[in-house]
């Protein structure tokens, strides 16, 4: 099998990132309408945003640009993505950045870097499904740059013990390339708190991860969360962001 020249792969990656940027604007516009309904109609104030999977700071920019936010706690395990978001927001007074992952328990795990950084994850890609095969190829092309490395993992429950969330309204976005359920399993006390909480969870419906959606639904239903909206990703129809609200609503 003939190897695709690296310059061709680079061109494909750049074009892919361009398309992501274009479609991201459409996605954010629909997301803005959803959050305006929640924040304004529910009378949110003293809002804390927890950004699990901060990437290059897109969610940070979104909330700072449209809402009166008290503080943002952002977690990004990728070394390269963290350098980008840190360069943008290390001096932003309301933003606290963590170069670490969020999961079920406090531990250390291997993180896999991808050439298309949105696909970087704590989960190693396998050969099942087109997306995973693409990720394996991207990981292979990326080994000389970063490949994989260990990262510390914290939990949302641990975060709750270190921060005062009393009388705060919380928006928590979790986008971890298939690791979302693990992050929620480490958030049982956080989810059952008396705060009004909005969860924005990235859900994958490709054949390798579609089993996670009913488990996430069941976990949140048991915590009396209600599913109120879906926002589909334009670049990948198998990926949606689902919005849940806590029983305090």
Protein backbone atom coordinates (compact mmCIF):
# COMPACT_ATOMS: atom_id res chain seq x y z
CA UNK A 1 0.00 0.00 0.00
CA UNK A 2 1.45 3.34 -1.06
CA UNK A 3 2.11 5.81 1.75
CA UNK A 4 0.40 9.19 1.41
CA UNK A 5 3.05 11.96 1.31
CA UNK A 6 3.23 13.95 4.54
CA UNK A 7 2.63 17.25 2.75
CA UNK A 8 -0.68 15.83 1.48
CA UNK A 9 -1.69 14.81 5.00
CA UNK A 10 -0.76 18.29 6.26
CA UNK A 11 -2.97 19.85 3.61
CA UNK A 12 -5.85 17.58 4.58
CA UNK A 13 -5.42 18.43 8.28
CA UNK A 14 -5.37 22.16 7.55
CA UNK A 15 -8.49 21.92 5.41
CA UNK A 16 -10.21 19.83 8.10
CA UNK A 17 -9.40 22.47 10.71
CA UNK A 18 -10.70 25.20 8.40
CA UNK A 19 -14.02 23.36 8.03
CA UNK A 20 -14.22 22.87 11.80
CA UNK A 21 -13.75 26.61 12.31
CA UNK A 22 -16.46 27.50 9.80
CA UNK A 23 -19.04 25.04 11.12
CA UNK A 24 -18.17 25.93 14.72
CA UNK A 25 -19.71 29.36 14.17
CA UNK A 26 -23.05 27.78 13.18
CA UNK A 27 -22.91 25.41 16.14
CA UNK A 28 -22.15 28.24 18.59
CA UNK A 29 -25.02 30.34 17.30
CA UNK A 30 -27.53 27.59 18.08
CA UNK A 31 -25.81 26.92 21.41
CA UNK A 32 -26.03 30.62 22.29
CA UNK A 33 -29.81 30.59 21.88
CA UNK A 34 -30.03 27.56 24.19
CA UNK A 35 -27.91 29.12 26.93
CA UNK A 36 -29.68 32.47 26.70
CA UNK A 37 -32.97 30.69 27.37
CA UNK A 38 -31.46 28.91 30.38
CA UNK A 39 -29.45 31.80 31.86
CA UNK A 40 -31.98 34.57 31.35
CA UNK A 41 -35.22 32.72 31.98
CA UNK A 42 -33.86 30.86 35.02
CA UNK A 43 -32.29 34.03 36.39
CA UNK A 44 -28.76 32.66 36.60
CA UNK A 45 -26.21 34.76 38.47
CA UNK A 46 -22.77 34.17 40.00
CA UNK A 47 -22.09 31.68 37.22
CA UNK A 48 -19.15 29.27 37.41
CA UNK A 49 -18.20 27.47 34.20
CA UNK A 50 -16.32 24.17 34.46
CA UNK A 51 -14.74 23.37 31.11
CA UNK A 52 -13.64 19.71 30.92
CA UNK A 53 -11.72 19.39 27.67
CA UNK A 54 -10.86 23.05 27.11
CA UNK A 55 -8.90 22.39 23.89
CA UNK A 56 -7.80 25.81 22.55
CA UNK A 57 -10.18 27.82 24.73
CA UNK A 58 -13.25 27.84 22.46
CA UNK A 59 -15.70 27.35 25.35
CA UNK A 60 -13.86 29.93 27.47
CA UNK A 61 -14.15 32.48 24.66
CA UNK A 62 -17.82 31.62 24.12
CA UNK A 63 -18.90 32.23 27.71
CA UNK A 64 -16.69 35.26 28.34
CA UNK A 65 -17.98 36.80 25.13
CA UNK A 66 -21.70 36.32 25.79
CA UNK A 67 -22.38 36.05 29.53
CA UNK A 68 -21.47 37.62 32.86
CA UNK A 69 -19.29 34.84 34.27
CA UNK A 70 -17.85 34.87 37.80
CA UNK A 71 -15.11 32.33 37.05
CA UNK A 72 -14.10 29.58 34.63
CA UNK A 73 -12.20 26.45 35.68
CA UNK A 74 -10.72 24.86 32.55
CA UNK A 75 -9.10 21.41 32.24
CA UNK A 76 -7.00 20.37 29.23
CA UNK A 77 -4.67 17.32 29.38
CA UNK A 78 -3.01 17.79 25.97
CA UNK A 79 0.40 19.45 26.25
CA UNK A 80 0.13 21.20 22.90
CA UNK A 81 -3.47 22.34 23.32
CA UNK A 82 -2.72 23.53 26.84
CA UNK A 83 0.14 25.70 25.57
CA UNK A 84 -2.30 27.39 23.18
CA UNK A 85 -5.06 27.99 25.72
CA UNK A 86 -2.52 29.10 28.33
CA UNK A 87 -1.03 31.65 25.93
CA UNK A 88 -4.52 33.06 25.37
CA UNK A 89 -5.85 33.05 28.92
CA UNK A 90 -3.09 32.79 31.52
CA UNK A 91 -3.60 36.49 32.33
CA UNK A 92 -7.41 36.45 32.11
CA UNK A 93 -8.53 37.27 35.69
CA UNK A 94 -11.63 35.05 35.71
CA UNK A 95 -9.96 31.96 34.21
CA UNK A 96 -8.06 29.21 36.08
CA UNK A 97 -6.31 26.64 33.88
CA UNK A 98 -5.33 23.07 34.72
CA UNK A 99 -3.07 20.91 32.54
CA UNK A 100 -4.80 17.71 33.65
CA UNK A 101 -7.70 15.40 32.85
CA UNK A 102 -10.98 14.74 34.67
CA UNK A 103 -12.15 11.18 35.24
CA UNK A 104 -13.62 8.63 37.64
CA UNK A 105 -10.77 8.61 40.18
CA UNK A 106 -7.64 10.57 41.04
CA UNK A 107 -4.84 8.81 39.19
CA UNK A 108 -2.31 9.11 36.37
CA UNK A 109 -3.19 7.92 32.86
CA UNK A 110 -1.66 7.87 29.38
CA UNK A 111 -2.96 10.58 27.06
CA UNK A 112 -2.86 10.11 23.26
CA UNK A 113 -2.06 13.17 21.15
CA UNK A 114 -3.51 13.44 17.63
CA UNK A 115 -2.54 15.57 14.65
CA UNK A 116 -6.14 16.80 14.63
CA UNK A 117 -6.06 17.91 18.25
CA UNK A 118 -9.84 17.69 18.73
CA UNK A 119 -9.43 13.90 18.59
CA UNK A 120 -6.79 13.66 21.34
CA UNK A 121 -8.01 11.45 24.17
CA UNK A 122 -7.30 9.26 27.18
CA UNK A 123 -8.71 6.36 25.17
CA UNK A 124 -6.33 4.57 22.80
CA UNK A 125 -7.81 4.16 19.29
CA UNK A 126 -8.38 0.68 17.89
CA UNK A 127 -9.34 -0.64 14.45
CA UNK A 128 -13.11 -0.71 14.99
CA UNK A 129 -14.95 1.96 13.05
CA UNK A 130 -13.83 4.61 10.57
CA UNK A 131 -13.20 7.27 13.23
CA UNK A 132 -10.90 4.99 15.23
CA UNK A 133 -8.97 3.93 12.14
CA UNK A 134 -8.52 7.59 11.27
CA UNK A 135 -7.33 8.32 14.80
CA UNK A 136 -4.77 5.50 14.61
CA UNK A 137 -3.41 6.98 11.40
CA UNK A 138 -3.28 10.44 12.97
CA UNK A 139 -1.52 9.07 16.04
CA UNK A 140 1.03 7.34 13.82
CA UNK A 141 1.77 10.58 11.93
CA UNK A 142 2.07 12.41 15.24
CA UNK A 143 4.46 10.13 17.11
CA UNK A 144 7.54 12.17 16.27
CA UNK A 145 5.90 15.27 17.77
CA UNK A 146 4.27 14.05 20.97
CA UNK A 147 2.59 10.66 20.53
CA UNK A 148 1.48 9.90 24.07
CA UNK A 149 2.38 10.99 27.59
CA UNK A 150 1.17 10.60 31.16
CA UNK A 151 -1.23 13.13 32.68
CA UNK A 152 -2.66 13.56 36.18
CA UNK A 153 -6.39 12.88 36.47
CA UNK A 154 -8.66 14.58 39.00
CA UNK A 155 -12.43 14.27 39.61
CA UNK A 156 -15.30 16.74 39.72
CA UNK A 157 -15.99 15.60 43.28
CA UNK A 158 -12.41 16.49 44.23
CA UNK A 159 -12.85 19.86 42.53
CA UNK A 160 -15.98 20.52 44.56
CA UNK A 161 -14.08 20.01 47.82
CA UNK A 162 -11.41 22.55 46.79
CA UNK A 163 -13.75 25.29 45.49
CA UNK A 164 -16.64 27.04 47.19
CA UNK A 165 -19.69 26.48 44.99
CA UNK A 166 -22.21 27.66 47.59
CA UNK A 167 -24.97 29.83 46.05
CA UNK A 168 -23.36 29.51 42.63
CA UNK A 169 -25.00 28.49 39.38
CA UNK A 170 -22.81 26.03 37.47
CA UNK A 171 -22.41 25.27 33.78
CA UNK A 172 -20.24 22.20 33.18
CA UNK A 173 -19.15 21.22 29.68
CA UNK A 174 -17.58 17.78 29.23
CA UNK A 175 -15.94 17.01 25.88
CA UNK A 176 -13.35 14.26 26.27
CA UNK A 177 -13.54 12.11 23.12
CA UNK A 178 -15.39 9.18 24.66
CA UNK A 179 -14.26 9.64 28.28
CA UNK A 180 -17.39 11.59 29.29
CA UNK A 181 -18.98 8.74 31.28
CA UNK A 182 -15.84 8.33 33.38
CA UNK A 183 -15.88 12.05 34.21
CA UNK A 184 -19.52 11.75 35.35
CA UNK A 185 -18.78 8.65 37.44
CA UNK A 186 -16.28 10.77 39.37
CA UNK A 187 -18.91 13.45 40.00
CA UNK A 188 -21.56 11.79 42.18
CA UNK A 189 -21.40 14.33 45.01
CA UNK A 190 -21.05 17.18 42.55
CA UNK A 191 -24.12 16.09 40.57
CA UNK A 192 -26.28 15.67 43.69
CA UNK A 193 -25.37 19.07 45.17
CA UNK A 194 -27.98 21.77 45.76
CA UNK A 195 -26.53 24.00 43.04
CA UNK A 196 -28.44 24.63 39.86
CA UNK A 197 -26.29 22.78 37.32
CA UNK A 198 -26.36 22.73 33.52
CA UNK A 199 -24.41 19.91 31.87
CA UNK A 200 -23.27 20.05 28.26
CA UNK A 201 -22.08 16.55 27.38
CA UNK A 202 -20.56 15.52 24.05
CA UNK A 203 -22.20 12.26 22.97
CA UNK A 204 -20.73 9.93 20.33
CA UNK A 205 -23.10 7.76 18.30
CA UNK A 206 -20.57 5.91 16.15
CA UNK A 207 -20.72 2.12 16.52
CA UNK A 208 -17.73 1.93 18.89
CA UNK A 209 -19.19 4.34 21.50
CA UNK A 210 -22.96 4.45 21.03
CA UNK A 211 -23.39 2.19 24.07
CA UNK A 212 -22.22 5.08 26.28
CA UNK A 213 -25.24 7.32 25.60
CA UNK A 214 -27.84 5.16 27.42
CA UNK A 215 -25.42 4.74 30.33
CA UNK A 216 -24.95 8.50 30.60
CA UNK A 217 -28.71 9.02 30.37
CA UNK A 218 -29.35 6.45 33.09
CA UNK A 219 -26.71 7.89 35.40
CA UNK A 220 -28.10 11.42 35.08
CA UNK A 221 -31.74 10.29 35.30
CA UNK A 222 -30.91 8.59 38.59
CA UNK A 223 -29.59 11.95 39.77
CA UNK A 224 -32.88 13.58 38.65
CA UNK A 225 -31.38 15.43 35.69
CA UNK A 226 -33.56 16.29 32.71
CA UNK A 227 -32.44 16.20 29.08
CA UNK A 228 -33.63 19.43 27.42
CA UNK A 229 -31.75 19.93 24.13
CA UNK A 230 -29.43 18.43 21.51
CA UNK A 231 -27.00 20.33 19.29
CA UNK A 232 -25.58 18.27 16.40
CA UNK A 233 -22.02 18.76 15.16
CA UNK A 234 -22.00 19.78 11.51
CA UNK A 235 -18.67 18.12 10.65
CA UNK A 236 -19.63 14.76 12.15
CA UNK A 237 -23.31 13.70 12.28
CA UNK A 238 -22.45 10.97 14.79
CA UNK A 239 -21.54 13.57 17.44
CA UNK A 240 -24.02 15.72 19.37
CA UNK A 241 -23.83 17.92 22.44
CA UNK A 242 -26.67 17.11 24.85
CA UNK A 243 -27.83 19.64 27.44
CA UNK A 244 -29.08 18.40 30.81
CA UNK A 245 -30.37 20.45 33.76
CA UNK A 246 -30.43 19.45 37.43
CA UNK A 247 -33.49 18.90 39.60
CA UNK A 248 -32.93 22.32 41.18
CA UNK A 249 -34.55 23.85 38.09
